[in-house]
Amino acid sequence: MMKKSQDIIGLPVFSIIDGRKIGQVKDMVINPEEGKVDFILVSNGSWYVGARVLPYKAVMGIGEHAVTTESENLLTTINETVNANDLLERNIEIKGNRVLTNKGNLIGVVSEYGVDEDTGNICNLEYKTADDESKIEIIEADNVLTYGEDVIVVKMKNGNSNDGSIDVIHEDAASSAQETEGAAYFKQRQRQYLIGKKLTQDIKGSEGNILIAEGTVITEEILDLADNNNRFLELSQCAR
């Protein structure tokens, strides 16, 4: 079942074992590589003073009136949880972020997003169109290429706007040049971010051989190797 972020943020958080309120959902912490909510930020009244995080996998349920978890012991401070702290420092926001197509066109600003209640996976994005802010369009999460700090990059595909895909706009020579420039810019930004990180699993080649081993520190050469073997996207999703 999908929930909109506005239906989750602001809900009280209850401990099932203790039978009491242990905080309130202040925000959700996004993992941009996996396109999912990794943590829920829980406030006890003072923002960032005593704010704690609850792993999304520790959420038992998200109802109309509350979020439930087994015990308050599952909450940790931000500084105690390295992954949550790293994600927060990256400052990846979805609401209010601009939507850029891989063709290099800014098409709107995200106003809402849906989350799978069971997994935390982002299901879709709603955005106000650049041409008409009163008009809302929906992008399915499958069409999102990058959840970035400055923009969310989405792919354009042929299809009817009613099927949840983004229509391809007729392009002239200028827009084709813009496509090349825009795609190259974001690829370079992504490469810069990945350098120095480690792989959390093996990357295998087309014949099943290990192309890049788990634990490898990512360098320019490693990125080129992945790119040349059509494994760049897979590498980017396995880097921490």
Protein backbone atom coordinates (compact mmCIF):
# COMPACT_ATOMS: atom_id res chain seq x y z
CA MET A 1 0.00 0.00 0.00
CA MET A 2 1.30 3.45 -0.91
CA LYS A 3 1.31 6.43 1.44
CA LYS A 4 2.05 10.02 0.51
CA SER A 5 4.82 11.66 2.50
CA GLN A 6 2.35 14.20 3.88
CA ASP A 7 0.36 11.32 5.39
CA ILE A 8 3.44 10.11 7.31
CA ILE A 9 5.29 13.26 8.36
CA GLY A 10 3.75 14.64 11.54
CA LEU A 11 2.34 11.34 12.80
CA PRO A 12 3.05 10.35 16.42
CA VAL A 13 5.33 7.34 16.91
CA PHE A 14 4.22 4.73 19.44
CA SER A 15 6.14 1.90 21.10
CA ILE A 16 4.07 -1.30 21.13
CA ILE A 17 5.88 -2.81 24.14
CA ASP A 18 5.67 0.34 26.26
CA GLY A 19 2.27 1.42 24.98
CA ARG A 20 3.29 5.06 24.84
CA LYS A 21 4.21 7.84 22.46
CA ILE A 22 7.97 8.11 21.91
CA GLY A 23 8.07 10.98 19.46
CA GLN A 24 6.73 12.40 16.23
CA VAL A 25 7.77 11.89 12.62
CA LYS A 26 9.73 14.99 11.66
CA ASP A 27 11.01 13.86 8.28
CA MET A 28 12.08 10.87 6.22
CA VAL A 29 15.71 10.18 5.33
CA ILE A 30 16.13 9.19 1.68
CA ASN A 31 18.68 6.76 0.29
CA PRO A 32 19.12 8.24 -3.22
CA GLU A 33 20.97 5.26 -4.71
CA GLU A 34 18.24 2.79 -3.76
CA GLY A 35 15.32 5.20 -4.18
CA LYS A 36 13.85 4.43 -0.78
CA VAL A 37 13.33 5.70 2.75
CA ASP A 38 16.06 4.24 4.97
CA PHE A 39 15.19 6.04 8.21
CA ILE A 40 12.42 8.02 9.83
CA LEU A 41 13.56 11.09 11.74
CA VAL A 42 11.79 11.21 15.11
CA SER A 43 11.61 14.41 17.15
CA ASN A 44 10.67 14.67 20.79
CA GLY A 45 9.81 18.34 20.54
CA SER A 46 13.09 20.16 20.03
CA TRP A 47 14.37 19.96 16.47
CA TYR A 48 17.82 18.34 16.38
CA VAL A 49 18.03 18.53 20.17
CA GLY A 50 17.52 14.91 21.04
CA ALA A 51 16.30 14.07 17.54
CA ARG A 52 16.63 10.34 16.84
CA VAL A 53 16.30 8.02 13.89
CA LEU A 54 14.23 4.88 13.45
CA PRO A 55 15.33 2.43 10.72
CA TYR A 56 12.47 1.99 8.28
CA LYS A 57 12.81 -1.79 8.61
CA ALA A 58 11.92 -1.35 12.32
CA VAL A 59 8.57 0.24 11.46
CA MET A 60 5.76 -2.18 12.27
CA GLY A 61 3.00 -0.16 10.69
CA ILE A 62 1.95 3.23 9.35
CA GLY A 63 -1.68 3.83 10.11
CA GLU A 64 -3.97 6.78 9.66
CA HIS A 65 -3.24 8.04 13.16
CA ALA A 66 0.23 6.75 14.13
CA VAL A 67 3.48 5.01 13.24
CA THR A 68 4.24 1.96 15.37
CA THR A 69 7.49 0.24 16.28
CA GLU A 70 8.24 -2.56 18.70
CA SER A 71 10.28 -0.65 21.25
CA GLU A 72 11.82 2.73 21.97
CA ASN A 73 15.16 0.89 22.15
CA LEU A 74 15.12 0.75 18.34
CA LEU A 75 15.58 4.53 18.21
CA THR A 76 19.16 5.83 18.07
CA THR A 77 20.67 9.30 17.96
CA ILE A 78 21.73 10.64 14.58
CA ASN A 79 25.43 10.59 15.48
CA GLU A 80 25.22 6.97 16.64
CA THR A 81 23.96 5.84 13.25
CA VAL A 82 26.65 6.36 10.63
CA ASN A 83 24.43 5.61 7.61
CA ALA A 84 21.72 8.02 8.74
CA ASN A 85 24.25 10.74 9.48
CA ASP A 86 25.89 10.31 6.07
CA LEU A 87 22.52 10.50 4.29
CA LEU A 88 21.50 13.61 6.22
CA GLU A 89 24.80 15.32 5.42
CA ARG A 90 24.23 14.69 1.72
CA ASN A 91 21.07 16.81 2.04
CA ILE A 92 19.01 14.96 -0.57
CA GLU A 93 15.52 16.46 -0.58
CA ILE A 94 12.65 15.35 -2.78
CA LYS A 95 9.93 17.90 -2.09
CA GLY A 96 10.86 21.24 -3.59
CA ASN A 97 13.57 19.72 -5.78
CA ARG A 98 13.54 20.50 -9.48
CA VAL A 99 12.87 17.81 -12.07
CA LEU A 100 15.29 17.66 -14.99
CA THR A 101 14.91 15.26 -17.90
CA ASN A 102 17.88 13.40 -19.31
CA LYS A 103 17.22 15.53 -22.40
CA GLY A 104 18.31 18.56 -20.37
CA ASN A 105 14.88 20.14 -19.88
CA LEU A 106 13.61 21.40 -16.52
CA ILE A 107 9.97 20.30 -16.40
CA GLY A 108 8.82 21.21 -12.90
CA VAL A 109 9.22 21.07 -9.11
CA VAL A 110 8.32 18.09 -6.90
CA SER A 111 5.35 18.79 -4.64
CA GLU A 112 4.80 15.29 -3.20
CA TYR A 113 5.99 11.69 -3.35
CA GLY A 114 4.54 8.29 -2.55
CA VAL A 115 6.17 5.60 -0.41
CA ASP A 116 5.46 1.87 -0.29
CA GLU A 117 4.31 1.34 3.29
CA ASP A 118 5.91 -2.12 3.58
CA THR A 119 9.32 -1.52 1.96
CA GLY A 120 9.92 2.23 2.11
CA ASN A 121 10.52 2.27 -1.66
CA ILE A 122 9.59 5.51 -3.40
CA CYS A 123 6.68 4.71 -5.74
CA ASN A 124 6.18 7.95 -7.63
CA LEU A 125 6.74 11.69 -7.68
CA GLU A 126 4.16 14.42 -8.17
CA TYR A 127 5.45 17.65 -9.65
CA LYS A 128 4.07 21.06 -10.53
CA THR A 129 4.82 21.66 -14.20
CA ALA A 130 7.14 24.48 -15.20
CA ASP A 131 4.60 25.73 -17.76
CA ASP A 132 1.66 25.79 -15.36
CA GLU A 133 2.16 25.50 -11.59
CA SER A 134 -1.51 24.66 -11.09
CA LYS A 135 -1.02 21.49 -13.14
CA ILE A 136 0.26 18.35 -11.41
CA GLU A 137 1.98 15.53 -13.28
CA ILE A 138 3.09 12.14 -11.92
CA ILE A 139 6.37 10.34 -12.60
CA GLU A 140 6.65 6.66 -11.71
CA ALA A 141 9.79 5.86 -9.72
CA ASP A 142 11.00 3.55 -12.51
CA ASN A 143 11.58 6.66 -14.61
CA VAL A 144 13.90 8.32 -12.06
CA LEU A 145 17.58 8.12 -12.97
CA THR A 146 19.09 10.18 -10.14
CA TYR A 147 17.91 11.67 -6.85
CA GLY A 148 20.39 14.53 -6.66
CA GLU A 149 21.06 17.42 -4.32
CA ASP A 150 20.32 20.03 -6.99
CA VAL A 151 17.87 18.21 -9.27
CA ILE A 152 16.06 14.91 -9.73
CA VAL A 153 16.92 13.50 -13.15
CA VAL A 154 14.22 11.51 -14.96
CA LYS A 155 14.31 9.66 -18.23
CA MET A 156 12.03 10.51 -21.09
CA LYS A 157 10.35 7.68 -22.96
CA ASN A 158 7.93 7.31 -25.80
CA GLY A 159 4.34 6.87 -24.74
CA ASN A 160 1.07 8.52 -23.97
CA SER A 161 1.01 10.87 -20.99
CA ASN A 162 -1.88 8.88 -19.55
CA ASP A 163 0.20 5.74 -19.09
CA GLY A 164 2.45 7.29 -16.46
CA SER A 165 5.35 7.84 -18.83
CA ILE A 166 6.85 11.15 -19.87
CA ASP A 167 6.18 12.16 -23.43
CA VAL A 168 9.13 12.79 -25.69
CA ILE A 169 9.01 16.34 -27.02
CA HIS A 170 9.95 16.90 -30.66
CA GLU A 171 13.53 18.13 -30.64
CA ASP A 172 15.47 20.40 -32.94
CA ALA A 173 19.25 20.59 -33.26
CA ALA A 174 19.56 22.98 -30.30
CA SER A 175 17.69 20.70 -27.90
CA SER A 176 19.74 17.72 -29.07
CA ALA A 177 22.88 19.64 -28.15
CA GLN A 178 21.31 20.49 -24.80
CA GLU A 179 20.61 16.80 -24.22
CA THR A 180 24.25 15.87 -24.79
CA GLU A 181 25.54 18.65 -22.56
CA GLY A 182 23.05 17.97 -19.75
CA ALA A 183 23.60 14.21 -19.69
CA ALA A 184 27.39 14.65 -19.70
CA TYR A 185 27.24 17.16 -16.84
CA PHE A 186 25.24 14.89 -14.55
CA LYS A 187 27.31 11.85 -15.45
CA GLN A 188 30.43 13.77 -14.43
CA ARG A 189 28.80 14.91 -11.17
CA GLN A 190 27.90 11.31 -10.39
CA ARG A 191 31.43 10.11 -11.17
CA GLN A 192 32.91 12.71 -8.82
CA TYR A 193 30.61 11.58 -6.02
CA LEU A 194 31.48 7.88 -6.46
CA ILE A 195 35.28 8.27 -6.39
CA GLY A 196 36.73 7.08 -3.08
CA LYS A 197 33.72 4.97 -2.11
CA LYS A 198 33.81 1.17 -1.78
CA LEU A 199 31.75 -1.49 -3.49
CA THR A 200 29.45 -3.45 -1.20
CA GLN A 201 29.17 -6.40 -3.59
CA ASP A 202 30.88 -7.93 -6.63
CA ILE A 203 30.13 -6.46 -10.04
CA LYS A 204 30.00 -9.25 -12.60
CA GLY A 205 30.64 -9.10 -16.33
CA SER A 206 28.33 -10.30 -19.08
CA GLU A 207 29.74 -13.84 -18.84
CA GLY A 208 29.30 -14.08 -15.07
CA ASN A 209 32.94 -13.41 -14.21
CA ILE A 210 33.81 -10.98 -11.42
CA LEU A 211 34.58 -7.71 -13.14
CA ILE A 212 35.11 -5.60 -10.01
CA ALA A 213 35.41 -7.24 -6.59
CA GLU A 214 33.51 -6.30 -3.44
CA GLY A 215 35.51 -3.87 -1.29
CA THR A 216 37.26 -2.24 -4.26
CA VAL A 217 37.84 1.49 -3.77
CA ILE A 218 36.35 3.33 -6.72
CA THR A 219 38.77 5.30 -8.91
CA GLU A 220 38.52 6.90 -12.35
CA GLU A 221 39.90 3.67 -13.84
CA ILE A 222 37.27 1.56 -12.06
CA LEU A 223 34.51 3.89 -13.30
CA ASP A 224 35.83 3.61 -16.86
CA LEU A 225 35.92 -0.19 -16.54
CA ALA A 226 32.31 -0.28 -15.34
CA ASP A 227 31.22 2.17 -18.02
CA ASN A 228 32.89 0.23 -20.83
CA ASN A 229 31.14 -2.96 -19.69
CA ASN A 230 27.70 -1.31 -19.25
CA ARG A 231 27.87 -1.73 -15.47
CA PHE A 232 28.00 1.93 -14.41
CA LEU A 233 24.44 2.04 -13.07
CA GLU A 234 24.94 -1.20 -11.13
CA LEU A 235 28.20 0.15 -9.66
CA SER A 236 26.54 3.40 -8.58
CA GLN A 237 23.89 1.43 -6.72
CA CYS A 238 26.46 -0.68 -4.84
CA ALA A 239 28.81 2.09 -3.70
CA ARG A 240 28.94 3.21 -0.07
